[in-house]
N, C-alpha and C. Protein backbone atom coordinates (compact mmCIF):
# COMPACT_ATOMS: atom_id res chain seq x y z
N MET A 1 103.52 145.75 49.66
CA MET A 1 102.58 146.81 49.88
C MET A 1 103.02 147.60 51.11
N ASN A 2 103.20 148.85 50.92
CA ASN A 2 103.62 149.75 51.98
C ASN A 2 102.42 150.50 52.52
N LEU A 3 102.23 150.36 53.83
CA LEU A 3 101.14 151.09 54.47
C LEU A 3 101.69 152.38 55.04
N PRO A 4 100.90 153.41 55.03
CA PRO A 4 101.37 154.68 55.61
C PRO A 4 101.67 154.50 57.10
N ARG A 5 102.62 155.32 57.56
CA ARG A 5 103.03 155.28 58.96
C ARG A 5 101.87 155.47 59.92
N SER A 6 100.93 156.25 59.60
CA SER A 6 99.81 156.52 60.49
C SER A 6 98.98 155.26 60.73
N ILE A 7 98.85 154.39 59.71
CA ILE A 7 98.11 153.14 59.89
C ILE A 7 98.89 152.20 60.80
N TRP A 8 100.24 152.13 60.60
CA TRP A 8 101.06 151.29 61.48
C TRP A 8 100.98 151.78 62.92
N PHE A 9 101.08 153.10 63.06
CA PHE A 9 101.03 153.68 64.39
C PHE A 9 99.68 153.40 65.05
N THR A 10 98.60 153.63 64.32
CA THR A 10 97.24 153.42 64.84
C THR A 10 97.04 151.95 65.21
N THR A 11 97.50 151.05 64.32
CA THR A 11 97.35 149.61 64.59
C THR A 11 98.14 149.22 65.83
N THR A 12 99.37 149.72 65.96
CA THR A 12 100.21 149.40 67.11
C THR A 12 99.59 149.91 68.40
N VAL A 13 99.09 151.15 68.39
CA VAL A 13 98.45 151.73 69.58
C VAL A 13 97.20 150.92 69.92
N PHE A 14 96.42 150.54 68.91
CA PHE A 14 95.21 149.75 69.14
C PHE A 14 95.54 148.40 69.78
N LEU A 15 96.54 147.70 69.25
CA LEU A 15 96.93 146.40 69.81
C LEU A 15 97.50 146.55 71.20
N LEU A 16 98.26 147.60 71.43
CA LEU A 16 98.81 147.87 72.75
C LEU A 16 97.68 148.14 73.75
N ALA A 17 96.69 148.91 73.33
CA ALA A 17 95.55 149.22 74.20
C ALA A 17 94.78 147.94 74.55
N ILE A 18 94.60 147.06 73.56
CA ILE A 18 93.92 145.78 73.82
C ILE A 18 94.73 144.96 74.81
N SER A 19 96.05 144.89 74.64
CA SER A 19 96.92 144.13 75.54
C SER A 19 96.86 144.68 76.95
N ILE A 20 96.91 146.00 77.08
CA ILE A 20 96.84 146.62 78.41
C ILE A 20 95.47 146.35 79.02
N GLY A 21 94.42 146.45 78.23
CA GLY A 21 93.07 146.18 78.71
C GLY A 21 92.94 144.74 79.20
N GLU A 22 93.48 143.80 78.44
CA GLU A 22 93.44 142.39 78.85
C GLU A 22 94.23 142.19 80.13
N ALA A 23 95.38 142.82 80.25
CA ALA A 23 96.21 142.68 81.45
C ALA A 23 95.47 143.24 82.66
N LEU A 24 94.85 144.42 82.51
CA LEU A 24 94.09 145.00 83.61
C LEU A 24 92.91 144.11 83.99
N PHE A 25 92.25 143.53 82.99
CA PHE A 25 91.13 142.63 83.25
C PHE A 25 91.61 141.41 84.04
N LEU A 26 92.74 140.83 83.64
CA LEU A 26 93.26 139.66 84.33
C LEU A 26 93.67 139.99 85.76
N VAL A 27 94.29 141.15 85.96
CA VAL A 27 94.67 141.56 87.31
C VAL A 27 93.41 141.75 88.15
N SER A 28 92.39 142.39 87.58
CA SER A 28 91.13 142.61 88.28
C SER A 28 90.47 141.27 88.61
N LEU A 29 90.48 140.35 87.66
CA LEU A 29 89.90 139.01 87.87
C LEU A 29 90.64 138.28 88.98
N LYS A 30 91.97 138.34 88.99
CA LYS A 30 92.77 137.69 90.03
C LYS A 30 92.42 138.27 91.39
N MET A 31 92.26 139.61 91.46
CA MET A 31 91.91 140.24 92.72
C MET A 31 90.53 139.78 93.18
N ARG A 32 89.58 139.66 92.25
CA ARG A 32 88.24 139.18 92.60
C ARG A 32 88.28 137.73 93.07
N LEU A 33 89.06 136.90 92.39
CA LEU A 33 89.18 135.50 92.78
C LEU A 33 89.81 135.38 94.16
N ASP A 34 90.83 136.20 94.44
CA ASP A 34 91.45 136.19 95.76
C ASP A 34 90.44 136.61 96.82
N ASP A 35 89.61 137.60 96.49
CA ASP A 35 88.59 138.07 97.41
C ASP A 35 87.54 136.97 97.64
N ILE A 36 87.13 136.30 96.58
CA ILE A 36 86.16 135.21 96.68
C ILE A 36 86.74 134.07 97.52
N GLU A 37 88.01 133.73 97.27
CA GLU A 37 88.65 132.67 98.05
C GLU A 37 88.70 133.03 99.52
N GLY A 38 89.04 134.28 99.83
CA GLY A 38 89.09 134.73 101.21
C GLY A 38 87.72 134.64 101.87
N LYS A 39 86.68 135.04 101.15
CA LYS A 39 85.32 134.96 101.69
C LYS A 39 84.90 133.50 101.87
N TYR A 40 85.29 132.64 100.93
CA TYR A 40 84.98 131.21 101.04
C TYR A 40 85.65 130.62 102.28
N LEU A 41 86.92 130.92 102.49
CA LEU A 41 87.63 130.38 103.65
C LEU A 41 87.03 130.89 104.96
N GLU A 42 86.60 132.15 104.96
CA GLU A 42 85.95 132.70 106.16
C GLU A 42 84.61 131.98 106.40
N LEU A 43 83.84 131.77 105.34
CA LEU A 43 82.57 131.07 105.47
C LEU A 43 82.80 129.63 105.96
N LEU A 44 83.82 128.97 105.42
CA LEU A 44 84.14 127.61 105.83
C LEU A 44 84.50 127.57 107.32
N ARG A 45 85.28 128.51 107.78
CA ARG A 45 85.62 128.58 109.21
C ARG A 45 84.36 128.77 110.05
N ASN A 46 83.46 129.63 109.58
CA ASN A 46 82.21 129.85 110.31
C ASN A 46 81.36 128.58 110.36
N VAL A 47 81.25 127.89 109.22
CA VAL A 47 80.47 126.65 109.18
C VAL A 47 81.10 125.60 110.09
N GLU A 48 82.42 125.48 110.04
CA GLU A 48 83.10 124.49 110.87
C GLU A 48 82.93 124.78 112.36
N SER A 49 82.70 126.04 112.71
CA SER A 49 82.55 126.38 114.14
C SER A 49 81.18 125.96 114.69
N VAL A 50 80.21 125.70 113.82
CA VAL A 50 78.87 125.33 114.29
C VAL A 50 78.44 123.95 113.80
N THR A 51 79.36 123.20 113.22
CA THR A 51 79.05 121.86 112.74
C THR A 51 80.14 120.88 113.13
N ASN A 52 79.79 119.60 113.05
CA ASN A 52 80.76 118.52 113.21
C ASN A 52 80.81 117.75 111.91
N SER A 53 81.97 117.24 111.58
CA SER A 53 82.12 116.37 110.41
C SER A 53 82.12 114.93 110.90
N VAL A 54 81.18 114.14 110.38
CA VAL A 54 81.06 112.74 110.82
C VAL A 54 80.99 111.82 109.61
N ASN A 55 81.29 110.55 109.85
CA ASN A 55 81.14 109.50 108.85
C ASN A 55 80.16 108.48 109.42
N ILE A 56 79.12 108.18 108.66
CA ILE A 56 78.11 107.24 109.13
C ILE A 56 77.89 106.18 108.07
N LEU A 57 77.95 104.92 108.51
CA LEU A 57 77.73 103.76 107.66
C LEU A 57 76.36 103.17 107.96
N ILE A 58 75.65 102.78 106.91
CA ILE A 58 74.44 101.98 107.08
C ILE A 58 74.73 100.67 106.36
N LYS A 59 74.71 99.58 107.14
CA LYS A 59 75.02 98.25 106.60
C LYS A 59 73.80 97.35 106.78
N TYR A 60 73.39 96.75 105.68
CA TYR A 60 72.20 95.89 105.68
C TYR A 60 72.62 94.44 105.86
N GLU A 61 71.66 93.59 106.21
CA GLU A 61 71.96 92.19 106.50
C GLU A 61 72.53 91.45 105.29
N ASN A 62 72.26 91.94 104.07
CA ASN A 62 72.80 91.28 102.87
C ASN A 62 74.22 91.75 102.54
N GLY A 63 74.78 92.61 103.38
CA GLY A 63 76.15 93.07 103.19
C GLY A 63 76.26 94.41 102.46
N THR A 64 75.16 94.91 101.91
CA THR A 64 75.18 96.20 101.23
C THR A 64 75.54 97.29 102.24
N LYS A 65 76.46 98.17 101.82
CA LYS A 65 76.91 99.26 102.69
C LYS A 65 76.70 100.60 101.99
N THR A 66 76.23 101.57 102.74
CA THR A 66 76.13 102.94 102.26
C THR A 66 76.85 103.84 103.26
N TRP A 67 77.89 104.53 102.78
CA TRP A 67 78.65 105.44 103.63
C TRP A 67 78.22 106.88 103.37
N PHE A 68 78.13 107.65 104.42
CA PHE A 68 77.92 109.10 104.35
C PHE A 68 79.15 109.72 105.00
N ASN A 69 80.16 109.98 104.18
CA ASN A 69 81.44 110.46 104.69
C ASN A 69 81.54 111.98 104.69
N ASN A 70 82.28 112.48 105.66
CA ASN A 70 82.53 113.92 105.80
C ASN A 70 81.24 114.72 105.74
N THR A 71 80.23 114.22 106.44
CA THR A 71 78.93 114.87 106.47
C THR A 71 78.94 115.93 107.57
N ARG A 72 78.55 117.13 107.21
CA ARG A 72 78.48 118.23 108.16
C ARG A 72 77.13 118.17 108.88
N ILE A 73 77.20 118.05 110.20
CA ILE A 73 76.03 117.91 111.05
C ILE A 73 76.07 119.06 112.07
N PRO A 74 74.95 119.73 112.31
CA PRO A 74 74.97 120.81 113.31
C PRO A 74 75.42 120.31 114.69
N VAL A 75 76.20 121.13 115.37
CA VAL A 75 76.61 120.82 116.74
C VAL A 75 75.33 120.63 117.56
N GLY A 76 75.31 119.59 118.39
CA GLY A 76 74.16 119.32 119.24
C GLY A 76 73.22 118.27 118.68
N TRP A 77 73.49 117.79 117.45
CA TRP A 77 72.63 116.75 116.88
C TRP A 77 73.00 115.39 117.46
N SER A 78 71.98 114.57 117.63
CA SER A 78 72.19 113.19 118.07
C SER A 78 72.36 112.29 116.84
N LEU A 79 72.75 111.06 117.10
CA LEU A 79 72.84 110.07 116.02
C LEU A 79 71.47 109.89 115.38
N PHE A 80 70.42 109.93 116.18
CA PHE A 80 69.07 109.80 115.62
C PHE A 80 68.78 110.95 114.66
N ASN A 81 69.06 112.20 115.07
CA ASN A 81 68.84 113.35 114.18
C ASN A 81 69.58 113.17 112.86
N ALA A 82 70.84 112.77 112.94
CA ALA A 82 71.67 112.61 111.74
C ALA A 82 71.13 111.49 110.85
N THR A 83 70.66 110.41 111.45
CA THR A 83 70.13 109.28 110.68
C THR A 83 68.87 109.70 109.94
N VAL A 84 68.00 110.41 110.60
CA VAL A 84 66.78 110.91 109.95
C VAL A 84 67.16 111.83 108.79
N TYR A 85 68.11 112.72 109.02
CA TYR A 85 68.56 113.65 107.98
C TYR A 85 69.17 112.90 106.79
N LEU A 86 70.07 111.97 107.04
CA LEU A 86 70.79 111.28 105.97
C LEU A 86 69.87 110.38 105.14
N THR A 87 68.81 109.88 105.73
CA THR A 87 67.89 108.98 105.03
C THR A 87 66.65 109.72 104.51
N ASN A 88 66.68 111.03 104.57
CA ASN A 88 65.53 111.83 104.14
C ASN A 88 64.26 111.42 104.88
N GLY A 89 64.40 111.15 106.17
CA GLY A 89 63.25 110.83 106.99
C GLY A 89 62.79 109.38 106.95
N ARG A 90 63.53 108.53 106.26
CA ARG A 90 63.12 107.13 106.14
C ARG A 90 63.67 106.29 107.30
N VAL A 91 63.21 106.64 108.50
CA VAL A 91 63.59 105.91 109.72
C VAL A 91 62.31 105.57 110.46
N ASP A 92 62.13 104.29 110.75
CA ASP A 92 61.03 103.85 111.60
C ASP A 92 61.58 103.62 112.99
N TYR A 93 60.81 103.98 114.00
CA TYR A 93 61.31 103.85 115.37
C TYR A 93 60.15 103.79 116.35
N GLN A 94 60.50 103.36 117.54
CA GLN A 94 59.56 103.32 118.65
C GLN A 94 60.18 104.07 119.82
N PRO A 95 59.43 105.03 120.38
CA PRO A 95 59.95 105.70 121.58
C PRO A 95 59.65 104.87 122.82
N TYR A 96 60.63 104.73 123.67
CA TYR A 96 60.49 104.02 124.95
C TYR A 96 61.00 104.92 126.05
N SER A 97 60.80 104.52 127.28
CA SER A 97 61.27 105.32 128.42
C SER A 97 62.79 105.45 128.40
N PHE A 98 63.49 104.46 127.86
CA PHE A 98 64.96 104.51 127.80
C PHE A 98 65.47 105.24 126.57
N GLY A 99 64.58 105.58 125.63
CA GLY A 99 64.98 106.32 124.44
C GLY A 99 64.36 105.74 123.18
N ILE A 100 64.85 106.19 122.08
CA ILE A 100 64.32 105.78 120.77
C ILE A 100 64.98 104.47 120.34
N PHE A 101 64.14 103.56 119.87
CA PHE A 101 64.62 102.27 119.35
C PHE A 101 64.29 102.23 117.86
N VAL A 102 65.33 102.21 117.03
CA VAL A 102 65.15 102.21 115.57
C VAL A 102 64.73 100.82 115.11
N THR A 103 63.62 100.78 114.35
CA THR A 103 63.09 99.51 113.85
C THR A 103 63.21 99.36 112.34
N GLY A 104 63.55 100.43 111.65
CA GLY A 104 63.71 100.35 110.20
C GLY A 104 64.48 101.54 109.67
N ILE A 105 65.29 101.28 108.65
CA ILE A 105 66.03 102.34 107.97
C ILE A 105 65.89 102.11 106.48
N ASN A 106 65.52 103.17 105.77
CA ASN A 106 65.36 103.10 104.31
C ASN A 106 64.45 101.94 103.89
N SER A 107 63.34 101.79 104.58
CA SER A 107 62.32 100.76 104.29
C SER A 107 62.80 99.34 104.53
N VAL A 108 63.89 99.17 105.25
CA VAL A 108 64.37 97.84 105.63
C VAL A 108 64.15 97.71 107.14
N SER A 109 63.25 96.80 107.50
CA SER A 109 62.81 96.70 108.89
C SER A 109 63.49 95.56 109.64
N SER A 110 63.52 95.73 110.95
CA SER A 110 63.94 94.64 111.83
C SER A 110 62.97 93.48 111.62
N HIS A 111 63.48 92.25 111.77
CA HIS A 111 62.63 91.07 111.62
C HIS A 111 63.30 89.89 112.30
N ASP A 112 62.48 88.95 112.71
CA ASP A 112 62.99 87.75 113.40
C ASP A 112 63.99 88.19 114.47
N SER A 113 65.22 87.70 114.39
CA SER A 113 66.24 88.09 115.37
C SER A 113 67.18 89.17 114.83
N TYR A 114 66.82 89.79 113.70
CA TYR A 114 67.63 90.86 113.11
C TYR A 114 67.12 92.22 113.59
N TYR A 115 68.04 92.99 114.17
CA TYR A 115 67.68 94.31 114.69
C TYR A 115 68.73 95.33 114.24
N TRP A 116 68.28 96.59 114.15
CA TRP A 116 69.20 97.69 113.85
C TRP A 116 69.94 98.07 115.13
N ILE A 117 71.24 97.93 115.08
CA ILE A 117 72.10 98.27 116.22
C ILE A 117 73.15 99.27 115.72
N TRP A 118 73.49 100.22 116.58
CA TRP A 118 74.52 101.17 116.16
C TRP A 118 75.83 100.91 116.88
N TYR A 119 76.90 101.25 116.17
CA TYR A 119 78.27 101.04 116.64
C TYR A 119 79.06 102.33 116.47
N LYS A 120 80.11 102.42 117.27
CA LYS A 120 81.05 103.54 117.16
C LYS A 120 82.44 102.97 116.92
N TRP A 121 83.17 103.57 115.99
CA TRP A 121 84.54 103.15 115.71
C TRP A 121 85.44 103.67 116.82
N ASP A 122 86.24 102.76 117.38
CA ASP A 122 87.20 103.09 118.43
C ASP A 122 88.60 103.09 117.82
N PRO A 123 89.15 104.27 117.53
CA PRO A 123 90.47 104.32 116.89
C PRO A 123 91.60 103.81 117.77
N MET A 124 91.42 103.87 119.09
CA MET A 124 92.46 103.38 120.00
C MET A 124 92.62 101.86 119.88
N ASN A 125 91.51 101.16 119.76
CA ASN A 125 91.53 99.70 119.65
C ASN A 125 91.36 99.21 118.21
N ASN A 126 91.16 100.16 117.30
CA ASN A 126 90.99 99.82 115.89
C ASN A 126 89.86 98.78 115.72
N ASP A 127 88.71 99.10 116.34
CA ASP A 127 87.61 98.13 116.35
C ASP A 127 86.29 98.87 116.56
N TRP A 128 85.19 98.21 116.16
CA TRP A 128 83.85 98.73 116.39
C TRP A 128 83.40 98.39 117.81
N MET A 129 82.75 99.36 118.47
CA MET A 129 82.17 99.15 119.80
C MET A 129 80.66 99.33 119.69
N LEU A 130 79.91 98.51 120.42
CA LEU A 130 78.46 98.70 120.47
C LEU A 130 78.14 100.08 121.03
N GLY A 131 77.10 100.71 120.48
CA GLY A 131 76.68 102.00 121.01
C GLY A 131 76.31 101.87 122.47
N GLU A 132 76.76 102.82 123.26
CA GLU A 132 76.59 102.71 124.71
C GLU A 132 75.31 103.35 125.24
N THR A 133 74.56 104.04 124.37
CA THR A 133 73.31 104.69 124.77
C THR A 133 72.30 104.53 123.65
N GLY A 134 71.10 105.04 123.89
CA GLY A 134 70.13 105.12 122.80
C GLY A 134 70.62 106.10 121.76
N CYS A 135 70.23 105.91 120.52
CA CYS A 135 70.74 106.77 119.43
C CYS A 135 70.33 108.23 119.61
N ASP A 136 69.24 108.48 120.33
CA ASP A 136 68.81 109.86 120.56
C ASP A 136 69.56 110.49 121.73
N SER A 137 70.32 109.69 122.46
CA SER A 137 71.11 110.21 123.59
C SER A 137 72.59 110.33 123.26
N TYR A 138 72.98 109.84 122.09
CA TYR A 138 74.39 109.97 121.69
C TYR A 138 74.52 111.21 120.82
N PHE A 139 75.23 112.22 121.34
CA PHE A 139 75.41 113.46 120.62
C PHE A 139 76.73 113.42 119.85
N LEU A 140 76.63 113.70 118.57
CA LEU A 140 77.77 113.55 117.66
C LEU A 140 78.90 114.51 118.00
N ARG A 141 80.10 114.00 117.79
CA ARG A 141 81.32 114.78 117.99
C ARG A 141 82.07 114.83 116.66
N ASP A 142 82.83 115.88 116.50
CA ASP A 142 83.61 116.03 115.28
C ASP A 142 84.53 114.83 115.10
N GLY A 143 84.49 114.24 113.92
CA GLY A 143 85.36 113.10 113.61
C GLY A 143 84.76 111.74 113.93
N ASP A 144 83.56 111.70 114.50
CA ASP A 144 82.94 110.41 114.81
C ASP A 144 82.79 109.55 113.56
N ILE A 145 82.99 108.25 113.76
CA ILE A 145 82.71 107.25 112.73
C ILE A 145 81.73 106.27 113.37
N LEU A 146 80.52 106.24 112.82
CA LEU A 146 79.44 105.45 113.41
C LEU A 146 78.85 104.54 112.35
N ALA A 147 78.18 103.49 112.81
CA ALA A 147 77.55 102.55 111.88
C ALA A 147 76.22 102.08 112.43
N TRP A 148 75.26 101.97 111.53
CA TRP A 148 74.02 101.25 111.78
C TRP A 148 74.16 99.92 111.08
N TYR A 149 73.80 98.85 111.76
CA TYR A 149 73.94 97.52 111.16
C TYR A 149 72.70 96.70 111.50
N LEU A 150 72.05 96.19 110.47
CA LEU A 150 70.93 95.26 110.66
C LEU A 150 71.55 93.88 110.82
N VAL A 151 71.64 93.44 112.07
CA VAL A 151 72.45 92.28 112.40
C VAL A 151 71.63 91.24 113.17
N ASP A 152 72.04 90.00 113.01
CA ASP A 152 71.41 88.88 113.71
C ASP A 152 71.84 88.93 115.17
N THR A 153 70.87 89.08 116.06
CA THR A 153 71.18 89.18 117.48
C THR A 153 70.87 87.87 118.23
N SER A 154 70.70 86.78 117.49
CA SER A 154 70.39 85.50 118.16
C SER A 154 71.58 85.00 118.97
N SER A 155 72.77 85.47 118.65
CA SER A 155 73.93 85.18 119.50
C SER A 155 74.51 86.52 119.93
N TRP A 156 75.08 86.54 121.13
CA TRP A 156 75.57 87.80 121.68
C TRP A 156 77.01 87.68 122.09
N PRO A 157 77.86 88.61 121.80
CA PRO A 157 77.54 89.86 121.10
C PRO A 157 77.35 89.60 119.60
N PRO A 158 76.61 90.47 118.95
CA PRO A 158 76.37 90.28 117.52
C PRO A 158 77.61 90.59 116.69
N GLU A 159 77.57 90.15 115.46
CA GLU A 159 78.65 90.43 114.51
C GLU A 159 78.85 91.94 114.38
N LYS A 160 80.09 92.36 114.18
CA LYS A 160 80.39 93.79 114.02
C LYS A 160 80.34 94.16 112.54
N PRO A 161 80.11 95.44 112.28
CA PRO A 161 80.05 95.87 110.87
C PRO A 161 81.33 95.58 110.13
């Protein structure tokens, strides 16, 4: 079957127009994606300038561990602020003249000789160190690795996370 030249020509022009349209669409899409990526990277830089990235462990007396890794925390937040945030407010505590004393996390309370104690990871010694202040006085730094541990304090120092 022979089609007239005008049909071949029209079909070829039509297919060429579709191909050019698709190419222009893809170029436009790539430009938009590059623009979106640039805006994302700028936003990420802005967020990183006002936040710290921290890792926080909550370890229970039965050995259960919950990690909150690479968590973005506003600059100026204390360990207490971050703990309240990460647990959706499920922190029990008592305020004292020396600071806040945590008595429960996620509905798991201190009891007998078991108390919630916080630790900081010391990369120089590759070991956990007892928190040196009250949790409301320790202000988070970028890269901190911290742990809450419900631990038996009947012997001192207590077991590390």
